[in-house]
C-alpha atoms as a PDB file:
ATOM      1  CA  MET A   1      -0.036   0.129   0.066  1.00  0.00           C
ATOM      2  CA  THR A   2       1.326   3.337  -1.411  1.00  0.00           C
ATOM      3  CA  ALA A   3       1.178   6.220   0.653  1.00  0.00           C
ATOM      4  CA  ARG A   4      -1.389   8.691  -0.459  1.00  0.00           C
ATOM      5  CA  PRO A   5      -0.345  12.188  -2.010  1.00  0.00           C
ATOM      6  CA  LEU A   6       0.174  15.366  -0.411  1.00  0.00           C
ATOM      7  CA  ARG A   7      -2.737  16.933  -0.375  1.00  0.00           C
ATOM      8  CA  ARG A   8      -2.896  20.186  -2.935  1.00  0.00           C
ATOM      9  CA  ALA A   9      -2.294  22.956  -1.393  1.00  0.00           C
ATOM     10  CA  LEU A  10      -5.282  26.155  -1.212  1.00  0.00           C
ATOM     11  CA  THR A  11      -3.305  28.704  -2.405  1.00  0.00           C
ATOM     12  CA  ARG A  12      -3.354  28.190  -6.585  1.00  0.00           C
ATOM     13  CA  THR A  13       0.058  30.177  -7.011  1.00  0.00           C
ATOM     14  CA  SER A  14       0.116  28.932 -10.930  1.00  0.00           C
ATOM     15  CA  THR A  15      -3.176  30.338 -11.226  1.00  0.00           C
ATOM     16  CA  VAL A  16      -2.750  32.656  -9.921  1.00  0.00           C
ATOM     17  CA  ALA A  17       0.734  34.311 -11.772  1.00  0.00           C
ATOM     18  CA  ALA A  18      -1.823  33.394 -15.000  1.00  0.00           C
ATOM     19  CA  LEU A  19      -3.759  35.160 -14.816  1.00  0.00           C
ATOM     20  CA  THR A  20      -0.985  38.096 -13.831  1.00  0.00           C
ATOM     21  CA  GLY A  21       0.338  37.451 -17.232  1.00  0.00           C
ATOM     22  CA  LEU A  22      -3.016  37.721 -19.276  1.00  0.00           C
ATOM     23  CA  LEU A  23      -3.979  40.831 -17.760  1.00  0.00           C
ATOM     24  CA  ALA A  24      -0.461  42.112 -18.216  1.00  0.00           C
ATOM     25  CA  LEU A  25      -0.635  41.303 -22.077  1.00  0.00           C
ATOM     26  CA  GLY A  26      -4.652  42.749 -22.389  1.00  0.00           C
ATOM     27  CA  LEU A  27      -3.734  45.925 -21.142  1.00  0.00           C
ATOM     28  CA  ALA A  28      -0.520  46.128 -22.854  1.00  0.00           C
ATOM     29  CA  ALA A  29      -2.996  45.542 -26.552  1.00  0.00           C
ATOM     30  CA  CYS A  30      -5.427  48.243 -24.968  1.00  0.00           C
ATOM     31  CA  GLY A  31      -7.868  45.486 -23.931  1.00  0.00           C
ATOM     32  CA  GLY A  32      -8.580  43.332 -27.620  1.00  0.00           C
ATOM     33  CA  GLU A  33     -10.860  41.981 -27.811  1.00  0.00           C
ATOM     34  CA  ALA A  34      -9.656  37.987 -28.188  1.00  0.00           C
ATOM     35  CA  ASP A  35      -7.204  38.084 -24.954  1.00  0.00           C
ATOM     36  CA  GLU A  36      -9.941  39.720 -23.364  1.00  0.00           C
ATOM     37  CA  ALA A  37     -11.555  36.674 -24.140  1.00  0.00           C
ATOM     38  CA  ALA A  38      -8.848  34.145 -23.385  1.00  0.00           C
ATOM     39  CA  GLY A  39      -9.320  36.254 -19.545  1.00  0.00           C
ATOM     40  CA  ALA A  40     -11.874  35.113 -19.194  1.00  0.00           C
ATOM     41  CA  ASP A  41     -12.023  31.902 -19.628  1.00  0.00           C
ATOM     42  CA  SER A  42      -8.470  31.151 -18.067  1.00  0.00           C
ATOM     43  CA  GLY A  43     -10.496  29.749 -15.135  1.00  0.00           C
ATOM     44  CA  THR A  44     -13.115  27.109 -16.814  1.00  0.00           C
ATOM     45  CA  ARG A  45     -11.956  23.759 -19.642  1.00  0.00           C
ATOM     46  CA  THR A  46     -14.699  22.399 -22.112  1.00  0.00           C
ATOM     47  CA  PHE A  47     -15.162  18.876 -20.513  1.00  0.00           C
ATOM     48  CA  ALA A  48     -16.371  15.938 -22.563  1.00  0.00           C
ATOM     49  CA  ALA A  49     -19.012  13.575 -20.238  1.00  0.00           C
ATOM     50  CA  ASP A  50     -21.673  11.147 -20.572  1.00  0.00           C
ATOM     51  CA  ASN A  51     -23.327  15.273 -20.465  1.00  0.00           C
ATOM     52  CA  GLY A  52     -21.571  16.689 -22.951  1.00  0.00           C
ATOM     53  CA  ASP A  53     -19.578  19.197 -23.349  1.00  0.00           C
ATOM     54  CA  VAL A  54     -20.090  20.551 -20.206  1.00  0.00           C
ATOM     55  CA  GLU A  55     -17.739  24.276 -18.755  1.00  0.00           C
ATOM     56  CA  ILE A  56     -16.425  23.076 -15.683  1.00  0.00           C
ATOM     57  CA  PRO A  57     -13.358  24.966 -13.149  1.00  0.00           C
ATOM     58  CA  VAL A  58      -9.426  24.027 -14.353  1.00  0.00           C
ATOM     59  CA  ASP A  59      -9.235  23.874 -10.599  1.00  0.00           C
ATOM     60  CA  PRO A  60     -11.926  23.248  -8.888  1.00  0.00           C
ATOM     61  CA  GLU A  61     -11.863  23.075  -5.177  1.00  0.00           C
ATOM     62  CA  ARG A  62     -15.130  23.052  -3.701  1.00  0.00           C
ATOM     63  CA  VAL A  63     -16.379  19.254  -5.216  1.00  0.00           C
ATOM     64  CA  VAL A  64     -19.994  16.870  -4.210  1.00  0.00           C
ATOM     65  CA  ALA A  65     -19.637  13.966  -5.687  1.00  0.00           C
ATOM     66  CA  THR A  66     -22.003  10.582  -5.944  1.00  0.00           C
ATOM     67  CA  GLY A  67     -22.013   7.058  -7.077  1.00  0.00           C
ATOM     68  CA  TYR A  68     -19.051   5.780  -7.735  1.00  0.00           C
ATOM     69  CA  ALA A  69     -17.153   9.095  -8.101  1.00  0.00           C
ATOM     70  CA  VAL A  70     -17.278   8.880  -4.156  1.00  0.00           C
ATOM     71  CA  PRO A  71     -13.909   6.387  -3.668  1.00  0.00           C
ATOM     72  CA  VAL A  72     -11.872   6.982  -6.005  1.00  0.00           C
ATOM     73  CA  LEU A  73     -12.133  10.896  -5.493  1.00  0.00           C
ATOM     74  CA  ILE A  74     -12.104  10.499  -1.296  1.00  0.00           C
ATOM     75  CA  GLU A  75      -8.758   7.864  -2.935  1.00  0.00           C
ATOM     76  CA  SER A  76      -7.363  10.756  -5.251  1.00  0.00           C
ATOM     77  CA  ASP A  77      -7.577  13.357  -2.553  1.00  0.00           C
ATOM     78  CA  ALA A  78      -9.564  15.638  -4.674  1.00  0.00           C
ATOM     79  CA  ASP A  79     -11.415  18.647  -3.179  1.00  0.00           C
ATOM     80  CA  LEU A  80     -14.964  16.950  -1.431  1.00  0.00           C
ATOM     81  CA  VAL A  81     -16.784  18.498   0.319  1.00  0.00           C
ATOM     82  CA  GLY A  82     -19.181  16.074   0.068  1.00  0.00           C
ATOM     83  CA  VAL A  83     -20.771  13.114  -1.424  1.00  0.00           C
ATOM     84  CA  SER A  84     -23.521  11.001  -1.729  1.00  0.00           C
ATOM     85  CA  GLU A  85     -23.519   7.198   0.909  1.00  0.00           C
ATOM     86  CA  TRP A  86     -21.391   4.356  -0.955  1.00  0.00           C
ATOM     87  CA  SER A  87     -21.478   2.097   2.942  1.00  0.00           C
ATOM     88  CA  ARG A  88     -20.335  -0.968   0.282  1.00  0.00           C
ATOM     89  CA  GLY A  89     -17.318   0.101  -1.043  1.00  0.00           C
ATOM     90  CA  VAL A  90     -16.374   1.287   3.160  1.00  0.00           C
ATOM     91  CA  PRO A  91     -14.979  -2.583   3.506  1.00  0.00           C
ATOM     92  CA  MET A  92     -12.809  -2.136   0.663  1.00  0.00           C
ATOM     93  CA  MET A  93     -11.497   1.561   1.610  1.00  0.00           C
ATOM     94  CA  THR A  94      -7.535   2.029   3.155  1.00  0.00           C
ATOM     95  CA  ASP A  95      -8.627   3.015   7.365  1.00  0.00           C
ATOM     96  CA  GLU A  96      -7.524   6.865   6.435  1.00  0.00           C
ATOM     97  CA  ASP A  97     -10.395   6.392   2.853  1.00  0.00           C
ATOM     98  CA  VAL A  98     -12.722   5.905   5.734  1.00  0.00           C
ATOM     99  CA  ALA A  99     -12.319   8.221   8.313  1.00  0.00           C
ATOM    100  CA  THR A 100     -12.408  11.534   4.672  1.00  0.00           C
ATOM    101  CA  TYR A 101     -15.443   9.817   3.758  1.00  0.00           C
ATOM    102  CA  GLU A 102     -17.542   9.313   7.022  1.00  0.00           C
ATOM    103  CA  GLY A 103     -16.160  13.419   8.385  1.00  0.00           C
ATOM    104  CA  LEU A 104     -17.906  14.292   4.691  1.00  0.00           C
ATOM    105  CA  GLU A 105     -21.190  15.640   4.917  1.00  0.00           C
ATOM    106  CA  LYS A 106     -23.499  13.099   3.144  1.00  0.00           C
ATOM    107  CA  VAL A 107     -25.952  15.173  -0.080  1.00  0.00           C
ATOM    108  CA  ALA A 108     -27.174  11.585  -1.033  1.00  0.00           C
ATOM    109  CA  GLY A 109     -28.010   8.179  -0.193  1.00  0.00           C
ATOM    110  CA  GLU A 110     -27.189   4.478  -1.933  1.00  0.00           C
ATOM    111  CA  THR A 111     -29.065   5.604  -4.589  1.00  0.00           C
ATOM    112  CA  ALA A 112     -30.511   8.656  -7.287  1.00  0.00           C
ATOM    113  CA  ALA A 113     -33.467   9.198  -5.384  1.00  0.00           C
ATOM    114  CA  GLU A 114     -31.916   9.471  -2.578  1.00  0.00           C
ATOM    115  CA  THR A 115     -30.391  13.594  -3.726  1.00  0.00           C
ATOM    116  CA  ASN A 116     -30.697  16.369  -1.460  1.00  0.00           C
ATOM    117  CA  TYR A 117     -30.669  20.040  -3.338  1.00  0.00           C
ATOM    118  CA  GLU A 118     -30.777  21.922  -1.427  1.00  0.00           C
ATOM    119  CA  ALA A 119     -27.885  20.024   0.978  1.00  0.00           C
ATOM    120  CA  ILE A 120     -25.131  20.601  -2.179  1.00  0.00           C
ATOM    121  CA  ALA A 121     -27.017  24.484  -3.295  1.00  0.00           C
ATOM    122  CA  GLY A 122     -25.589  24.675   0.756  1.00  0.00           C
ATOM    123  CA  LEU A 123     -21.728  23.326   0.359  1.00  0.00           C
ATOM    124  CA  ASP A 124     -21.813  26.045  -2.924  1.00  0.00           C
ATOM    125  CA  PRO A 125     -19.596  23.184  -4.730  1.00  0.00           C
ATOM    126  CA  ASP A 126     -17.540  24.343  -7.352  1.00  0.00           C
ATOM    127  CA  LEU A 127     -18.116  20.969  -9.211  1.00  0.00           C
ATOM    128  CA  ILE A 128     -20.255  17.871  -9.018  1.00  0.00           C
ATOM    129  CA  VAL A 129     -19.405  14.817 -10.342  1.00  0.00           C
ATOM    130  CA  ILE A 130     -22.450  12.521 -10.811  1.00  0.00           C
ATOM    131  CA  GLY A 131     -21.145   8.933 -10.913  1.00  0.00           C
ATOM    132  CA  VAL A 132     -23.499   6.745 -11.434  1.00  0.00           C
ATOM    133  CA  PRO A 133     -24.607   4.873 -14.980  1.00  0.00           C
ATOM    134  CA  GLN A 134     -27.151   6.167 -16.964  1.00  0.00           C
ATOM    135  CA  PRO A 135     -30.385   4.854 -15.616  1.00  0.00           C
ATOM    136  CA  ALA A 136     -29.761   6.563 -12.958  1.00  0.00           C
ATOM    137  CA  LEU A 137     -30.516   9.399 -14.196  1.00  0.00           C
ATOM    138  CA  VAL A 138     -34.204   9.674 -14.847  1.00  0.00           C
ATOM    139  CA  ASP A 139     -34.005   9.377 -10.665  1.00  0.00           C
ATOM    140  CA  LEU A 140     -31.958  12.598 -10.333  1.00  0.00           C
ATOM    141  CA  ASP A 141     -33.854  16.359 -11.271  1.00  0.00           C
ATOM    142  CA  MET A 142     -30.799  17.526 -13.642  1.00  0.00           C
ATOM    143  CA  ASP A 143     -31.767  21.008 -14.446  1.00  0.00           C
ATOM    144  CA  ARG A 144     -31.562  21.956  -9.950  1.00  0.00           C
ATOM    145  CA  LEU A 145     -28.354  20.248  -9.742  1.00  0.00           C
ATOM    146  CA  GLU A 146     -26.961  22.325 -12.960  1.00  0.00           C
ATOM    147  CA  ASP A 147     -28.698  25.447 -11.734  1.00  0.00           C
ATOM    148  CA  ILE A 148     -26.292  25.095  -8.490  1.00  0.00           C
ATOM    149  CA  ALA A 149     -22.915  24.469 -10.174  1.00  0.00           C
ATOM    150  CA  PRO A 150     -21.623  22.874 -13.303  1.00  0.00           C
ATOM    151  CA  VAL A 151     -22.347  19.020 -13.410  1.00  0.00           C
ATOM    152  CA  VAL A 152     -20.076  16.338 -14.762  1.00  0.00           C
ATOM    153  CA  VAL A 153     -22.193  12.618 -15.324  1.00  0.00           C
ATOM    154  CA  LEU A 154     -19.729   9.543 -15.250  1.00  0.00           C
ATOM    155  CA  GLY A 155     -20.840   6.401 -14.410  1.00  0.00           C
ATOM    156  CA  PRO A 156     -20.424   3.098 -14.940  1.00  0.00           C
ATOM    157  CA  ALA A 157     -21.673   1.494 -18.626  1.00  0.00           C
ATOM    158  CA  ALA A 158     -19.845  -2.335 -17.668  1.00  0.00           C
ATOM    159  CA  PRO A 159     -19.156  -3.827 -14.931  1.00  0.00           C
ATOM    160  CA  ASP A 160     -14.746  -3.645 -16.108  1.00  0.00           C
ATOM    161  CA  SER A 161     -15.579  -0.541 -17.329  1.00  0.00           C
ATOM    162  CA  TRP A 162     -14.123   0.759 -13.905  1.00  0.00           C
ATOM    163  CA  ARG A 163     -10.500   1.762 -14.968  1.00  0.00           C
ATOM    164  CA  GLU A 164     -11.733   4.770 -18.084  1.00  0.00           C
ATOM    165  CA  LEU A 165     -14.893   6.053 -15.531  1.00  0.00           C
ATOM    166  CA  ASN A 166     -11.959   6.292 -12.147  1.00  0.00           C
ATOM    167  CA  GLU A 167      -9.661   7.859 -14.794  1.00  0.00           C
ATOM    168  CA  ARG A 168     -11.605  10.864 -16.375  1.00  0.00           C
ATOM    169  CA  GLN A 169     -13.595  11.047 -13.342  1.00  0.00           C
ATOM    170  CA  ALA A 170     -10.017  11.701 -11.171  1.00  0.00           C
ATOM    171  CA  ASP A 171      -9.811  14.069 -14.237  1.00  0.00           C
ATOM    172  CA  ALA A 172     -12.662  16.628 -13.706  1.00  0.00           C
ATOM    173  CA  ALA A 173     -12.219  16.989 -10.725  1.00  0.00           C
ATOM    174  CA  GLY A 174      -8.597  18.135 -10.390  1.00  0.00           C
ATOM    175  CA  ALA A 175      -6.954  15.115  -9.258  1.00  0.00           C
ATOM    176  CA  SER A 176      -5.529  13.474 -11.496  1.00  0.00           C
ATOM    177  CA  GLU A 177      -1.765  12.857  -9.643  1.00  0.00           C
ATOM    178  CA  GLY A 178      -3.810  11.235  -7.016  1.00  0.00           C
ATOM    179  CA  PHE A 179      -5.454   8.257  -9.464  1.00  0.00           C
ATOM    180  CA  GLU A 180      -1.643   8.306 -10.775  1.00  0.00           C
ATOM    181  CA  ALA A 181      -0.433   7.511  -7.557  1.00  0.00           C
ATOM    182  CA  SER A 182      -3.280   4.461  -7.003  1.00  0.00           C
ATOM    183  CA  ARG A 183      -2.832   3.291 -10.273  1.00  0.00           C
ATOM    184  CA  SER A 184       1.117   3.117 -10.199  1.00  0.00           C
ATOM    185  CA  ALA A 185       0.245   0.555  -6.628  1.00  0.00           C
ATOM    186  CA  TYR A 186      -1.751  -1.275  -8.547  1.00  0.00           C
ATOM    187  CA  GLU A 187      -0.566  -2.182 -11.594  1.00  0.00           C
ATOM    188  CA  GLU A 188       3.142  -3.460  -9.997  1.00  0.00           C
ATOM    189  CA  ARG A 189       1.378  -5.863  -7.689  1.00  0.00           C
ATOM    190  CA  ALA A 190      -0.692  -7.039 -10.212  1.00  0.00           C
ATOM    191  CA  ALA A 191       2.124  -7.045 -12.664  1.00  0.00           C
ATOM    192  CA  GLU A 192       4.353  -9.205  -9.419  1.00  0.00           C
ATOM    193  CA  LEU A 193       1.010 -11.331  -9.410  1.00  0.00           C
ATOM    194  CA  GLU A 194       1.130 -12.408 -12.903  1.00  0.00           C
ATOM    195  CA  GLU A 195       4.190 -13.193 -12.181  1.00  0.00           C
ATOM    196  CA  LYS A 196       4.535 -15.304  -9.717  1.00  0.00           C
ATOM    197  CA  TYR A 197       1.803 -17.361 -10.747  1.00  0.00           C
ATOM    198  CA  ALA A 198       2.343 -17.665 -15.053  1.00  0.00           C
ATOM    199  CA  ASP A 199       3.410 -21.421 -14.643  1.00  0.00           C
ATOM    200  CA  VAL A 200       0.711 -21.964 -12.950  1.00  0.00           C
ATOM    201  CA  LEU A 201      -2.169 -20.784 -14.717  1.00  0.00           C
ATOM    202  CA  GLY A 202      -1.110 -20.982 -17.708  1.00  0.00           C
ATOM    203  CA  ASP A 203      -3.336 -24.018 -18.694  1.00  0.00           C
ATOM    204  CA  LEU A 204      -6.286 -23.338 -16.656  1.00  0.00           C
ATOM    205  CA  ARG A 205      -9.923 -22.888 -18.005  1.00  0.00           C
ATOM    206  CA  PHE A 206     -11.682 -20.625 -14.823  1.00  0.00           C
ATOM    207  CA  GLY A 207     -15.517 -20.690 -13.403  1.00  0.00           C
ATOM    208  CA  HIS A 208     -16.945 -17.902 -11.396  1.00  0.00           C
ATOM    209  CA  VAL A 209     -19.872 -18.362  -9.197  1.00  0.00           C
ATOM    210  CA  GLY A 210     -21.117 -14.405  -8.536  1.00  0.00           C
ATOM    211  CA  ALA A 211     -23.399 -12.664  -6.046  1.00  0.00           C
ATOM    212  CA  TYR A 212     -26.592 -11.695  -7.421  1.00  0.00           C
ATOM    213  CA  GLY A 213     -27.897 -15.669  -7.701  1.00  0.00           C
ATOM    214  CA  ASP A 214     -31.752 -15.934  -6.973  1.00  0.00           C
ATOM    215  CA  VAL A 215     -32.523 -18.222  -4.443  1.00  0.00           C
ATOM    216  CA  SER A 216     -35.971 -18.286  -4.633  1.00  0.00           C
ATOM    217  CA  ALA A 217     -36.113 -18.508  -8.503  1.00  0.00           C
ATOM    218  CA  GLY A 218     -33.512 -21.805  -8.362  1.00  0.00           C
ATOM    219  CA  SER A 219     -30.670 -19.524 -10.563  1.00  0.00           C
ATOM    220  CA  PHE A 220     -27.049 -18.536  -9.993  1.00  0.00           C
ATOM    221  CA  HIS A 221     -24.578 -15.967 -11.014  1.00  0.00           C
ATOM    222  CA  ARG A 222     -22.423 -16.937 -13.968  1.00  0.00           C
ATOM    223  CA  GLU A 223     -19.614 -14.530 -14.455  1.00  0.00           C
ATOM    224  CA  TYR A 224     -17.603 -14.215 -17.632  1.00  0.00           C
ATOM    225  CA  ALA A 225     -14.224 -12.457 -18.490  1.00  0.00           C
ATOM    226  CA  GLY A 226     -14.325  -8.341 -17.415  1.00  0.00           C
ATOM    227  CA  SER A 227     -17.677  -8.991 -14.730  1.00  0.00           C
ATOM    228  CA  TRP A 228     -17.365  -7.421 -11.779  1.00  0.00           C
ATOM    229  CA  GLY A 229     -16.068 -10.826  -9.814  1.00  0.00           C
ATOM    230  CA  THR A 230     -13.467 -10.904 -12.881  1.00  0.00           C
ATOM    231  CA  ASN A 231     -11.845  -8.792 -14.244  1.00  0.00           C
ATOM    232  CA  ILE A 232      -9.345  -8.368 -11.731  1.00  0.00           C
ATOM    233  CA  ALA A 233      -8.343 -11.726 -11.716  1.00  0.00           C
ATOM    234  CA  GLY A 234      -7.766 -11.368 -15.696  1.00  0.00           C
ATOM    235  CA  ASP A 235      -4.896  -9.296 -15.008  1.00  0.00           C
ATOM    236  CA  ILE A 236      -3.115 -11.243 -13.755  1.00  0.00           C
ATOM    237  CA  GLY A 237      -2.903 -13.725 -15.960  1.00  0.00           C
ATOM    238  CA  VAL A 238      -6.895 -15.984 -15.107  1.00  0.00           C
ATOM    239  CA  ASP A 239      -8.197 -16.932 -17.607  1.00  0.00           C
ATOM    240  CA  TYR A 240     -11.990 -16.635 -17.608  1.00  0.00           C
ATOM    241  CA  TYR A 241     -13.439 -18.649 -21.144  1.00  0.00           C
ATOM    242  CA  GLY A 242     -16.808 -19.005 -21.924  1.00  0.00           C
ATOM    243  CA  GLU A 243     -19.639 -16.332 -22.549  1.00  0.00           C
ATOM    244  CA  PRO A 244     -23.340 -16.124 -22.162  1.00  0.00           C
ATOM    245  CA  SER A 245     -25.874 -17.625 -23.884  1.00  0.00           C
ATOM    246  CA  GLU A 246     -27.140 -14.523 -25.067  1.00  0.00           C
ATOM    247  CA  PRO A 247     -25.117 -12.063 -24.660  1.00  0.00           C
ATOM    248  CA  GLY A 248     -26.453  -8.652 -24.447  1.00  0.00           C
ATOM    249  CA  GLU A 249     -25.185  -4.790 -24.096  1.00  0.00           C
ATOM    250  CA  GLY A 250     -23.575  -3.831 -20.566  1.00  0.00           C
ATOM    251  CA  ALA A 251     -23.123  -6.025 -17.140  1.00  0.00           C
ATOM    252  CA  ALA A 252     -26.005  -8.560 -20.053  1.00  0.00           C
ATOM    253  CA  ALA A 253     -22.858  -9.034 -22.014  1.00  0.00           C
ATOM    254  CA  VAL A 254     -19.992 -10.811 -19.597  1.00  0.00           C
ATOM    255  CA  THR A 255     -22.606 -12.066 -17.454  1.00  0.00           C
ATOM    256  CA  GLU A 256     -26.014 -14.114 -16.559  1.00  0.00           C
ATOM    257  CA  TYR A 257     -28.886 -16.565 -14.571  1.00  0.00           C
ATOM    258  CA  PRO A 258     -29.204 -19.941 -15.676  1.00  0.00           C
ATOM    259  CA  SER A 259     -31.121 -22.417 -13.735  1.00  0.00           C
ATOM    260  CA  ILE A 260     -29.138 -24.081 -11.324  1.00  0.00           C
ATOM    261  CA  GLU A 261     -29.928 -27.760 -12.855  1.00  0.00           C
ATOM    262  CA  GLU A 262     -27.737 -25.621 -15.512  1.00  0.00           C
ATOM    263  CA  LEU A 263     -24.338 -26.132 -13.240  1.00  0.00           C
ATOM    264  CA  PRO A 264     -22.707 -28.458 -15.201  1.00  0.00           C
ATOM    265  CA  GLU A 265     -23.827 -27.562 -18.175  1.00  0.00           C
ATOM    266  CA  LYS A 266     -22.492 -23.380 -17.399  1.00  0.00           C
ATOM    267  CA  LEU A 267     -18.947 -24.901 -15.465  1.00  0.00           C
ATOM    268  CA  GLY A 268     -18.286 -28.781 -16.127  1.00  0.00           C
ATOM    269  CA  ASP A 269     -15.705 -27.586 -18.604  1.00  0.00           C
ATOM    270  CA  ALA A 270     -13.667 -25.325 -15.969  1.00  0.00           C
ATOM    271  CA  ASP A 271     -10.227 -26.699 -14.973  1.00  0.00           C
ATOM    272  CA  ALA A 272     -10.784 -24.625 -11.757  1.00  0.00           C
ATOM    273  CA  ILE A 273     -13.494 -21.943  -9.545  1.00  0.00           C
ATOM    274  CA  THR A 274     -13.974 -18.816  -7.935  1.00  0.00           C
ATOM    275  CA  TYR A 275     -16.901 -17.342  -6.188  1.00  0.00           C
ATOM    276  CA  THR A 276     -17.568 -14.392  -4.225  1.00  0.00           C
ATOM    277  CA  LEU A 277     -16.989 -14.333  -0.649  1.00  0.00           C
ATOM    278  CA  GLY A 278     -18.452 -10.950   0.920  1.00  0.00           C
ATOM    279  CA  ALA A 279     -16.522  -8.284   2.910  1.00  0.00           C
ATOM    280  CA  ASP A 280     -16.648 -10.991   6.101  1.00  0.00           C
ATOM    281  CA  GLY A 281     -15.044 -13.618   4.446  1.00  0.00           C
ATOM    282  CA  LYS A 282     -18.954 -16.232   4.488  1.00  0.00           C
ATOM    283  CA  PRO A 283     -20.347 -16.872   1.306  1.00  0.00           C
ATOM    284  CA  ALA A 284     -24.040 -14.951   0.572  1.00  0.00           C
ATOM    285  CA  GLU A 285     -26.542 -16.385   0.598  1.00  0.00           C
ATOM    286  CA  ALA A 286     -27.512 -16.788  -3.139  1.00  0.00           C
ATOM    287  CA  ILE A 287     -22.897 -18.418  -2.942  1.00  0.00           C
ATOM    288  CA  ALA A 288     -24.120 -20.512  -0.208  1.00  0.00           C
ATOM    289  CA  TYR A 289     -26.938 -22.165  -2.195  1.00  0.00           C
ATOM    290  CA  VAL A 290     -24.251 -22.941  -4.771  1.00  0.00           C
ATOM    291  CA  LEU A 291     -21.829 -24.220  -2.720  1.00  0.00           C
ATOM    292  CA  GLU A 292     -24.141 -26.417  -1.217  1.00  0.00           C
ATOM    293  CA  HIS A 293     -26.364 -28.396  -3.866  1.00  0.00           C
ATOM    294  CA  ARG A 294     -24.812 -31.305  -4.433  1.00  0.00           C
ATOM    295  CA  LEU A 295     -24.537 -30.729  -8.393  1.00  0.00           C
ATOM    296  CA  TRP A 296     -21.726 -29.045  -7.237  1.00  0.00           C
ATOM    297  CA  LYS A 297     -20.054 -31.488  -5.853  1.00  0.00           C
ATOM    298  CA  ASN A 298     -20.132 -33.153  -9.094  1.00  0.00           C
ATOM    299  CA  LEU A 299     -18.146 -31.149 -11.373  1.00  0.00           C
ATOM    300  CA  PRO A 300     -14.789 -31.798 -12.164  1.00  0.00           C
ATOM    301  CA  ALA A 301     -12.918 -28.625 -10.957  1.00  0.00           C
ATOM    302  CA  VAL A 302     -14.670 -29.111  -7.367  1.00  0.00           C
ATOM    303  CA  ARG A 303     -14.089 -32.805  -7.099  1.00  0.00           C
ATOM    304  CA  ALA A 304     -10.627 -31.333  -7.882  1.00  0.00           C
ATOM    305  CA  GLY A 305     -10.454 -29.225  -5.472  1.00  0.00           C
ATOM    306  CA  HIS A 306      -9.272 -26.249  -7.684  1.00  0.00           C
ATOM    307  CA  VAL A 307     -12.033 -24.390  -5.873  1.00  0.00           C
ATOM    308  CA  PHE A 308     -11.367 -20.756  -5.122  1.00  0.00           C
ATOM    309  CA  GLY A 309     -13.365 -17.979  -2.879  1.00  0.00           C
ATOM    310  CA  LEU A 310     -12.635 -14.813  -3.396  1.00  0.00           C
ATOM    311  CA  GLN A 311     -13.126 -11.876  -1.715  1.00  0.00           C
ATOM    312  CA  HIS A 312     -13.681  -7.905  -2.988  1.00  0.00           C
ATOM    313  CA  THR A 313     -14.076  -8.948  -5.874  1.00  0.00           C
ATOM    314  CA  GLU A 314     -16.364  -5.729  -6.475  1.00  0.00           C
ATOM    315  CA  ALA A 315     -14.072  -3.252  -6.463  1.00  0.00           C
ATOM    316  CA  ALA A 316     -14.232  -0.302  -8.554  1.00  0.00           C
ATOM    317  CA  THR A 317     -10.828   1.812  -7.765  1.00  0.00           C
ATOM    318  CA  TYR A 318      -7.618   0.754  -8.140  1.00  0.00           C
ATOM    319  CA  THR A 319      -7.230   1.221  -4.269  1.00  0.00           C
ATOM    320  CA  SER A 320      -9.620  -1.220  -3.441  1.00  0.00           C
ATOM    321  CA  ALA A 321      -8.937  -3.730  -6.008  1.00  0.00           C
ATOM    322  CA  LEU A 322      -5.107  -4.160  -3.980  1.00  0.00           C
ATOM    323  CA  ARG A 323      -7.577  -5.395  -1.336  1.00  0.00           C
ATOM    324  CA  THR A 324      -8.596  -7.715  -4.585  1.00  0.00           C
ATOM    325  CA  LEU A 325      -5.334  -8.999  -5.361  1.00  0.00           C
ATOM    326  CA  ASP A 326      -4.298  -9.682  -1.877  1.00  0.00           C
ATOM    327  CA  SER A 327      -7.197 -12.331  -2.414  1.00  0.00           C
ATOM    328  CA  LEU A 328      -6.358 -14.172  -4.931  1.00  0.00           C
ATOM    329  CA  ASP A 329      -2.475 -14.659  -3.748  1.00  0.00           C
ATOM    330  CA  THR A 330      -4.448 -16.173  -0.586  1.00  0.00           C
ATOM    331  CA  ALA A 331      -6.281 -18.190  -2.233  1.00  0.00           C
ATOM    332  CA  LEU A 332      -4.653 -19.325  -5.354  1.00  0.00           C
ATOM    333  CA  GLU A 333      -1.606 -19.671  -3.203  1.00  0.00           C
ATOM    334  CA  PRO A 334      -1.792 -23.724  -3.320  1.00  0.00           C
ATOM    335  CA  LEU A 335      -1.706 -24.189  -7.208  1.00  0.00           C
ATOM    336  CA  LEU A 336       2.116 -22.920  -6.397  1.00  0.00           C
ATOM    337  CA  GLY A 337       1.979 -26.979  -4.531  1.00  0.00           C
END
């Protein structure tokens, strides 16, 4: 785990210098229109977001973040003044990030529909970063938000899109330096594990059982490469084979919910199987349902003892994904013999 970068100084000396230079240039040119335009625009830039091109501060100092933008902007040391609730991510945060999260004013609940517009306005933000999927935007009053501050919508489109998404969210919030530090730490650790397990993973075909099966419907959650439970493992060389019977858009391209009777068909060709564990190391009801089923016990990978429970598989930032890598290392160690 690397130390978090120092917070940016509140005094923006570079910005002051730039504005001073522009003022001098404008006076020398007798107030030319081009120079006046340059001076007026020097504090903003055009940012391409999911909601179109948005004029945002070059260096925002009072940022409100919601949804998937919350953990990455905390980790990247953005100048946050308020966030939405994000309890699902707390078990994957560092102690320092948990303290930061708990100390920030909460301006929304766990869903977009629970947004407190008065609380956001009261914080006087200069940028609002909305990190929710496009379908959830129907629950937001965008006009009301845009009356408060520039709004950048950057939400996930697929389970493994968090890498690019995080980079764009950090960029919008002026926190790219902190983001790059987190990414570098993750990539270094992933490369270490890829080398460590290269000899044993190369010939194994993996399957994964996710946590979103519906016990009442008798279905289980089969995840393929690029899904929530598999994309981080893929970074160290774990090969998840196959694809859904009827691939769709977004998550539907990498995940499906077959009947439990289809276990032999869906996982019978796997040499090894991983499955999702909770942050406490225990399987959720949907996972226990699979692990206790008679068809599971007859799968070749299960009979061979090649089954591995993984924690923190739904990490969606580089810092939290370090915990996933640690879990993978612990789980796969027996393969080394």
